[in-house]
Amino acid sequence: MERDNIQDTLENLRDNVETIQDDVRSTAENAWREGRKNVKQWQKRGTELVEETREKSEKALKDAEALVKKYPGKAIGVAVLFGAVIGALLSMGRDND
């Protein structure tokens, strides 16, 4: 009688362990699938953002080239002014050393 009880308890325990293993396996597989799906979505979005950035950069470059061709004197003046500001900022950093 006692032995039958122990045997039944062990069989129930084995069944419970198998059920838990199946649940864990199923949960892991679902998580893996969702993770792969999310990675693919992020890859697609990243590719779209890179393409958008490339297109905007090309347009900005063309616009800048057009402005330089239209106003070459002003472009040189802005470049000189920008260089002077950068040079002043860099020399201020050296004075602090």
C-alpha atoms as a PDB file:
ATOM      1  CA  MET A   1       0.000   0.000   0.000  1.00  0.00           C
ATOM      2  CA  GLU A   2       2.732   2.444   1.037  1.00  0.00           C
ATOM      3  CA  ARG A   3       4.794   1.429  -1.959  1.00  0.00           C
ATOM      4  CA  ASP A   4       1.839   2.111  -4.307  1.00  0.00           C
ATOM      5  CA  ASN A   5       1.447   5.572  -2.821  1.00  0.00           C
ATOM      6  CA  ILE A   6       5.117   6.375  -3.402  1.00  0.00           C
ATOM      7  CA  GLN A   7       4.922   5.013  -6.941  1.00  0.00           C
ATOM      8  CA  ASP A   8       1.812   7.121  -7.696  1.00  0.00           C
ATOM      9  CA  THR A   9       3.479  10.205  -6.238  1.00  0.00           C
ATOM     10  CA  LEU A  10       6.596   9.634  -8.356  1.00  0.00           C
ATOM     11  CA  GLU A  11       4.496   9.165 -11.499  1.00  0.00           C
ATOM     12  CA  ASN A  12       2.601  12.378 -10.754  1.00  0.00           C
ATOM     13  CA  LEU A  13       5.879  14.165 -10.136  1.00  0.00           C
ATOM     14  CA  ARG A  14       7.298  12.842 -13.438  1.00  0.00           C
ATOM     15  CA  ASP A  15       4.169  14.005 -15.278  1.00  0.00           C
ATOM     16  CA  ASN A  16       4.424  17.436 -13.669  1.00  0.00           C
ATOM     17  CA  VAL A  17       8.087  17.736 -14.626  1.00  0.00           C
ATOM     18  CA  GLU A  18       7.303  16.774 -18.219  1.00  0.00           C
ATOM     19  CA  THR A  19       4.499  19.355 -18.318  1.00  0.00           C
ATOM     20  CA  ILE A  20       6.838  22.030 -16.970  1.00  0.00           C
ATOM     21  CA  GLN A  21       9.503  21.055 -19.517  1.00  0.00           C
ATOM     22  CA  ASP A  22       6.969  21.327 -22.335  1.00  0.00           C
ATOM     23  CA  ASP A  23       5.798  24.728 -21.057  1.00  0.00           C
ATOM     24  CA  VAL A  24       9.363  26.017 -20.781  1.00  0.00           C
ATOM     25  CA  ARG A  25      10.226  24.707 -24.246  1.00  0.00           C
ATOM     26  CA  SER A  26       7.106  26.296 -25.742  1.00  0.00           C
ATOM     27  CA  THR A  27       7.774  29.621 -24.004  1.00  0.00           C
ATOM     28  CA  ALA A  28      11.393  29.640 -25.181  1.00  0.00           C
ATOM     29  CA  GLU A  29      10.388  28.851 -28.760  1.00  0.00           C
ATOM     30  CA  ASN A  30       7.780  31.627 -28.736  1.00  0.00           C
ATOM     31  CA  ALA A  31      10.299  34.087 -27.293  1.00  0.00           C
ATOM     32  CA  TRP A  32      12.836  33.072 -29.951  1.00  0.00           C
ATOM     33  CA  ARG A  33      10.295  33.593 -32.757  1.00  0.00           C
ATOM     34  CA  GLU A  34       9.224  36.979 -31.387  1.00  0.00           C
ATOM     35  CA  GLY A  35      12.844  38.019 -30.966  1.00  0.00           C
ATOM     36  CA  ARG A  36      13.680  37.097 -34.558  1.00  0.00           C
ATOM     37  CA  LYS A  37      10.591  38.958 -35.771  1.00  0.00           C
ATOM     38  CA  ASN A  38      11.601  42.047 -33.792  1.00  0.00           C
ATOM     39  CA  VAL A  39      15.163  41.893 -35.102  1.00  0.00           C
ATOM     40  CA  LYS A  40      13.882  41.724 -38.681  1.00  0.00           C
ATOM     41  CA  GLN A  41      11.598  44.696 -38.054  1.00  0.00           C
ATOM     42  CA  TRP A  42      14.446  46.729 -36.558  1.00  0.00           C
ATOM     43  CA  GLN A  43      16.755  45.775 -39.429  1.00  0.00           C
ATOM     44  CA  LYS A  44      14.141  46.923 -41.920  1.00  0.00           C
ATOM     45  CA  ARG A  45      13.602  50.202 -40.048  1.00  0.00           C
ATOM     46  CA  GLY A  46      17.364  50.745 -39.786  1.00  0.00           C
ATOM     47  CA  THR A  47      17.740  50.222 -43.528  1.00  0.00           C
ATOM     48  CA  GLU A  48      14.915  52.691 -44.173  1.00  0.00           C
ATOM     49  CA  LEU A  49      16.534  55.292 -41.895  1.00  0.00           C
ATOM     50  CA  VAL A  50      19.916  54.872 -43.577  1.00  0.00           C
ATOM     51  CA  GLU A  51      18.285  55.370 -46.988  1.00  0.00           C
ATOM     52  CA  GLU A  52      16.358  58.452 -45.801  1.00  0.00           C
ATOM     53  CA  THR A  53      19.532  59.916 -44.317  1.00  0.00           C
ATOM     54  CA  ARG A  54      21.477  59.261 -47.514  1.00  0.00           C
ATOM     55  CA  GLU A  55      18.791  60.956 -49.614  1.00  0.00           C
ATOM     56  CA  LYS A  56      18.626  63.985 -47.291  1.00  0.00           C
ATOM     57  CA  SER A  57      22.421  64.246 -47.238  1.00  0.00           C
ATOM     58  CA  GLU A  58      22.608  64.169 -51.027  1.00  0.00           C
ATOM     59  CA  LYS A  59      19.931  66.878 -51.254  1.00  0.00           C
ATOM     60  CA  ALA A  60      21.720  69.035 -48.664  1.00  0.00           C
ATOM     61  CA  LEU A  61      24.991  68.658 -50.570  1.00  0.00           C
ATOM     62  CA  LYS A  62      23.336  69.623 -53.864  1.00  0.00           C
ATOM     63  CA  ASP A  63      21.682  72.628 -52.196  1.00  0.00           C
ATOM     64  CA  ALA A  64      25.010  73.697 -50.702  1.00  0.00           C
ATOM     65  CA  GLU A  65      26.760  73.331 -54.067  1.00  0.00           C
ATOM     66  CA  ALA A  66      24.028  75.399 -55.727  1.00  0.00           C
ATOM     67  CA  LEU A  67      24.386  78.157 -53.121  1.00  0.00           C
ATOM     68  CA  VAL A  68      28.174  78.213 -53.492  1.00  0.00           C
ATOM     69  CA  LYS A  69      27.840  78.487 -57.284  1.00  0.00           C
ATOM     70  CA  LYS A  70      25.209  81.202 -56.974  1.00  0.00           C
ATOM     71  CA  TYR A  71      27.052  83.199 -54.278  1.00  0.00           C
ATOM     72  CA  PRO A  72      30.763  82.268 -54.440  1.00  0.00           C
ATOM     73  CA  GLY A  73      31.957  85.430 -52.651  1.00  0.00           C
ATOM     74  CA  LYS A  74      29.616  84.944 -49.739  1.00  0.00           C
ATOM     75  CA  ALA A  75      30.572  81.280 -49.556  1.00  0.00           C
ATOM     76  CA  ILE A  76      34.246  82.184 -49.249  1.00  0.00           C
ATOM     77  CA  GLY A  77      33.400  84.797 -46.604  1.00  0.00           C
ATOM     78  CA  VAL A  78      31.398  82.314 -44.569  1.00  0.00           C
ATOM     79  CA  ALA A  79      34.195  79.740 -44.858  1.00  0.00           C
ATOM     80  CA  VAL A  80      36.802  82.272 -43.672  1.00  0.00           C
ATOM     81  CA  LEU A  81      34.581  83.387 -40.795  1.00  0.00           C
ATOM     82  CA  PHE A  82      33.882  79.792 -39.806  1.00  0.00           C
ATOM     83  CA  GLY A  83      37.610  78.991 -39.911  1.00  0.00           C
ATOM     84  CA  ALA A  84      38.417  82.038 -37.773  1.00  0.00           C
ATOM     85  CA  VAL A  85      35.833  81.018 -35.160  1.00  0.00           C
ATOM     86  CA  ILE A  86      37.138  77.447 -35.045  1.00  0.00           C
ATOM     87  CA  GLY A  87      40.722  78.722 -34.826  1.00  0.00           C
ATOM     88  CA  ALA A  88      39.813  81.084 -31.976  1.00  0.00           C
ATOM     89  CA  LEU A  89      38.058  78.320 -30.087  1.00  0.00           C
ATOM     90  CA  LEU A  90      41.015  75.979 -30.518  1.00  0.00           C
ATOM     91  CA  SER A  91      43.534  78.602 -29.422  1.00  0.00           C
ATOM     92  CA  MET A  92      41.448  79.423 -26.325  1.00  0.00           C
ATOM     93  CA  GLY A  93      41.742  75.792 -25.319  1.00  0.00           C
ATOM     94  CA  ARG A  94      45.533  75.981 -25.570  1.00  0.00           C
ATOM     95  CA  ASP A  95      45.698  79.140 -23.463  1.00  0.00           C
ATOM     96  CA  ASN A  96      44.064  77.283 -20.570  1.00  0.00           C
ATOM     97  CA  ASP A  97      46.838  74.644 -20.501  1.00  0.00           C
END
